[in-house]
Amino acid sequence: MENRFWTLRRRGIAFLLASLLLILLAYKIHGADGRQFTATAYALTSRTATGQRPAKGIVAADPRILPLGTRIALRQAGKYSGVYTVGDTGVRGHAIDVWVPSRQEAIRFGRRKVIVVRL
């Protein structure tokens, strides 16, 4: 009986370690390091896909990759780096549109590679 107990205990520990390894691997792939996206800016005043007016802190993204309402951290975007909420759609793939208040600012933003981390 005692031998069976230790066998089950070893299996449990092995299962726990394997589970932790998978969690750490998933965190490494999708977590703190983030993913590279192509970012552009837009200055439209129409309603977003969520029915709200665009405002500071809103980005548009492909809902298959970043669903509406997802909070993200934008890195390597200069003064636009920060925390945003996905509030609009209209782009495809690993791309995002950052809302800015004016067309001139959107032109200055241009197109750039950024890192997006899902929060």
C-alpha atoms as a PDB file:
ATOM      1  CA  MET A   1       0.000   0.000   0.000  1.00  0.00           C
ATOM      2  CA  GLU A   2       2.775   2.414   0.880  1.00  0.00           C
ATOM      3  CA  ASN A   3       4.532   1.755  -2.443  1.00  0.00           C
ATOM      4  CA  ARG A   4       1.341   2.600  -4.357  1.00  0.00           C
ATOM      5  CA  PHE A   5       1.036   5.888  -2.449  1.00  0.00           C
ATOM      6  CA  TRP A   6       4.523   7.019  -3.512  1.00  0.00           C
ATOM      7  CA  THR A   7       3.877   6.009  -7.138  1.00  0.00           C
ATOM      8  CA  LEU A   8       0.703   8.102  -7.228  1.00  0.00           C
ATOM      9  CA  ARG A   9       2.454  10.972  -5.520  1.00  0.00           C
ATOM     10  CA  ARG A  10       5.310  10.930  -8.067  1.00  0.00           C
ATOM     11  CA  ARG A  11       2.782  10.918 -10.927  1.00  0.00           C
ATOM     12  CA  GLY A  12       0.997  13.870  -9.346  1.00  0.00           C
ATOM     13  CA  ILE A  13       4.220  15.821  -9.016  1.00  0.00           C
ATOM     14  CA  ALA A  14       5.184  14.981 -12.604  1.00  0.00           C
ATOM     15  CA  PHE A  15       1.753  16.158 -13.814  1.00  0.00           C
ATOM     16  CA  LEU A  16       2.073  19.382 -11.812  1.00  0.00           C
ATOM     17  CA  LEU A  17       5.533  20.088 -13.206  1.00  0.00           C
ATOM     18  CA  ALA A  18       4.357  19.401 -16.769  1.00  0.00           C
ATOM     19  CA  SER A  19       1.402  21.756 -16.259  1.00  0.00           C
ATOM     20  CA  LEU A  20       3.649  24.499 -14.932  1.00  0.00           C
ATOM     21  CA  LEU A  21       5.999  24.059 -17.875  1.00  0.00           C
ATOM     22  CA  LEU A  22       3.094  24.499 -20.325  1.00  0.00           C
ATOM     23  CA  ILE A  23       1.902  27.610 -18.500  1.00  0.00           C
ATOM     24  CA  LEU A  24       5.381  29.128 -18.573  1.00  0.00           C
ATOM     25  CA  LEU A  25       5.734  28.289 -22.258  1.00  0.00           C
ATOM     26  CA  ALA A  26       2.401  29.943 -23.053  1.00  0.00           C
ATOM     27  CA  TYR A  27       3.426  32.991 -21.025  1.00  0.00           C
ATOM     28  CA  LYS A  28       6.700  33.219 -22.931  1.00  0.00           C
ATOM     29  CA  ILE A  29       4.979  32.948 -26.312  1.00  0.00           C
ATOM     30  CA  HIS A  30       2.025  35.277 -25.667  1.00  0.00           C
ATOM     31  CA  GLY A  31       2.762  37.012 -22.403  1.00  0.00           C
ATOM     32  CA  ALA A  32       5.176  39.610 -21.184  1.00  0.00           C
ATOM     33  CA  ASP A  33       7.294  39.763 -24.322  1.00  0.00           C
ATOM     34  CA  GLY A  34       4.347  40.723 -26.522  1.00  0.00           C
ATOM     35  CA  ARG A  35       4.105  40.463 -30.290  1.00  0.00           C
ATOM     36  CA  GLN A  36       5.179  42.743 -33.065  1.00  0.00           C
ATOM     37  CA  PHE A  37       2.363  44.606 -34.831  1.00  0.00           C
ATOM     38  CA  THR A  38       2.301  47.257 -37.537  1.00  0.00           C
ATOM     39  CA  ALA A  39       0.730  50.441 -36.188  1.00  0.00           C
ATOM     40  CA  THR A  40      -0.890  53.312 -38.024  1.00  0.00           C
ATOM     41  CA  ALA A  41      -3.075  56.144 -36.706  1.00  0.00           C
ATOM     42  CA  TYR A  42      -6.551  57.377 -37.551  1.00  0.00           C
ATOM     43  CA  ALA A  43      -8.487  60.528 -36.695  1.00  0.00           C
ATOM     44  CA  LEU A  44     -12.071  59.683 -37.635  1.00  0.00           C
ATOM     45  CA  THR A  45     -14.923  60.990 -35.510  1.00  0.00           C
ATOM     46  CA  SER A  46     -17.572  58.415 -36.432  1.00  0.00           C
ATOM     47  CA  ARG A  47     -18.708  55.747 -33.982  1.00  0.00           C
ATOM     48  CA  THR A  48     -16.501  52.755 -33.212  1.00  0.00           C
ATOM     49  CA  ALA A  49     -17.545  49.104 -33.452  1.00  0.00           C
ATOM     50  CA  THR A  50     -18.523  49.289 -29.766  1.00  0.00           C
ATOM     51  CA  GLY A  51     -20.864  52.230 -30.472  1.00  0.00           C
ATOM     52  CA  GLN A  52     -18.740  54.851 -28.730  1.00  0.00           C
ATOM     53  CA  ARG A  53     -17.036  57.894 -30.128  1.00  0.00           C
ATOM     54  CA  PRO A  54     -13.275  57.458 -30.628  1.00  0.00           C
ATOM     55  CA  ALA A  55     -11.180  58.910 -27.826  1.00  0.00           C
ATOM     56  CA  LYS A  56      -7.662  58.875 -26.451  1.00  0.00           C
ATOM     57  CA  GLY A  57      -6.697  55.353 -25.404  1.00  0.00           C
ATOM     58  CA  ILE A  58      -8.679  53.570 -28.144  1.00  0.00           C
ATOM     59  CA  VAL A  59      -7.170  51.369 -30.843  1.00  0.00           C
ATOM     60  CA  ALA A  60      -8.658  49.419 -33.720  1.00  0.00           C
ATOM     61  CA  ALA A  61      -7.557  45.813 -34.185  1.00  0.00           C
ATOM     62  CA  ASP A  62      -8.532  42.582 -35.906  1.00  0.00           C
ATOM     63  CA  PRO A  63     -11.139  41.043 -33.551  1.00  0.00           C
ATOM     64  CA  ARG A  64      -9.863  37.549 -34.364  1.00  0.00           C
ATOM     65  CA  ILE A  65      -6.505  38.487 -32.810  1.00  0.00           C
ATOM     66  CA  LEU A  66      -7.445  41.151 -30.236  1.00  0.00           C
ATOM     67  CA  PRO A  67     -11.174  41.001 -29.370  1.00  0.00           C
ATOM     68  CA  LEU A  68     -13.114  44.180 -28.582  1.00  0.00           C
ATOM     69  CA  GLY A  69     -12.547  45.319 -25.013  1.00  0.00           C
ATOM     70  CA  THR A  70      -9.065  43.796 -24.748  1.00  0.00           C
ATOM     71  CA  ARG A  71      -6.609  45.939 -22.773  1.00  0.00           C
ATOM     72  CA  ILE A  72      -3.159  46.150 -24.331  1.00  0.00           C
ATOM     73  CA  ALA A  73       0.147  47.824 -23.613  1.00  0.00           C
ATOM     74  CA  LEU A  74       1.736  49.475 -26.625  1.00  0.00           C
ATOM     75  CA  ARG A  75       5.548  49.553 -26.549  1.00  0.00           C
ATOM     76  CA  GLN A  76       8.199  51.050 -28.789  1.00  0.00           C
ATOM     77  CA  ALA A  77       5.726  53.646 -30.070  1.00  0.00           C
ATOM     78  CA  GLY A  78       7.460  56.764 -28.786  1.00  0.00           C
ATOM     79  CA  LYS A  79       5.090  59.214 -27.111  1.00  0.00           C
ATOM     80  CA  TYR A  80       2.190  56.925 -28.050  1.00  0.00           C
ATOM     81  CA  SER A  81       3.442  54.082 -25.835  1.00  0.00           C
ATOM     82  CA  GLY A  82       0.982  53.276 -23.069  1.00  0.00           C
ATOM     83  CA  VAL A  83      -2.135  51.323 -22.189  1.00  0.00           C
ATOM     84  CA  TYR A  84      -5.000  51.161 -24.694  1.00  0.00           C
ATOM     85  CA  THR A  85      -8.347  49.422 -25.094  1.00  0.00           C
ATOM     86  CA  VAL A  86      -9.405  47.725 -28.326  1.00  0.00           C
ATOM     87  CA  GLY A  87     -12.597  49.611 -29.143  1.00  0.00           C
ATOM     88  CA  ASP A  88     -12.811  49.388 -32.917  1.00  0.00           C
ATOM     89  CA  THR A  89     -12.279  46.994 -35.792  1.00  0.00           C
ATOM     90  CA  GLY A  90     -11.429  47.499 -39.427  1.00  0.00           C
ATOM     91  CA  VAL A  91      -7.874  46.238 -39.668  1.00  0.00           C
ATOM     92  CA  ARG A  92      -6.668  42.758 -40.534  1.00  0.00           C
ATOM     93  CA  GLY A  93      -3.926  40.601 -39.099  1.00  0.00           C
ATOM     94  CA  HIS A  94      -1.230  41.834 -36.755  1.00  0.00           C
ATOM     95  CA  ALA A  95      -1.959  45.505 -37.257  1.00  0.00           C
ATOM     96  CA  ILE A  96      -3.499  48.189 -35.073  1.00  0.00           C
ATOM     97  CA  ASP A  97      -4.775  51.717 -35.638  1.00  0.00           C
ATOM     98  CA  VAL A  98      -4.198  54.161 -32.800  1.00  0.00           C
ATOM     99  CA  TRP A  99      -6.811  56.908 -32.495  1.00  0.00           C
ATOM    100  CA  VAL A 100      -5.377  60.435 -32.490  1.00  0.00           C
ATOM    101  CA  PRO A 101      -7.339  63.715 -32.371  1.00  0.00           C
ATOM    102  CA  SER A 102      -6.207  65.234 -35.691  1.00  0.00           C
ATOM    103  CA  ARG A 103      -5.401  64.192 -39.232  1.00  0.00           C
ATOM    104  CA  GLN A 104      -2.035  65.979 -39.037  1.00  0.00           C
ATOM    105  CA  GLU A 105      -1.085  63.952 -35.981  1.00  0.00           C
ATOM    106  CA  ALA A 106      -2.105  60.759 -37.781  1.00  0.00           C
ATOM    107  CA  ILE A 107       0.148  61.706 -40.702  1.00  0.00           C
ATOM    108  CA  ARG A 108       3.040  62.414 -38.296  1.00  0.00           C
ATOM    109  CA  PHE A 109       2.488  59.026 -36.655  1.00  0.00           C
ATOM    110  CA  GLY A 110       2.948  57.291 -40.011  1.00  0.00           C
ATOM    111  CA  ARG A 111       3.451  53.528 -40.062  1.00  0.00           C
ATOM    112  CA  ARG A 112       5.706  51.892 -37.501  1.00  0.00           C
ATOM    113  CA  LYS A 113       6.523  48.562 -35.922  1.00  0.00           C
ATOM    114  CA  VAL A 114       5.379  48.315 -32.304  1.00  0.00           C
ATOM    115  CA  ILE A 115       5.176  45.675 -29.603  1.00  0.00           C
ATOM    116  CA  VAL A 116       1.706  44.816 -28.278  1.00  0.00           C
ATOM    117  CA  VAL A 117       1.316  43.070 -24.931  1.00  0.00           C
ATOM    118  CA  ARG A 118      -2.109  41.751 -23.963  1.00  0.00           C
ATOM    119  CA  LEU A 119      -2.920  42.721 -20.368  1.00  0.00           C
END
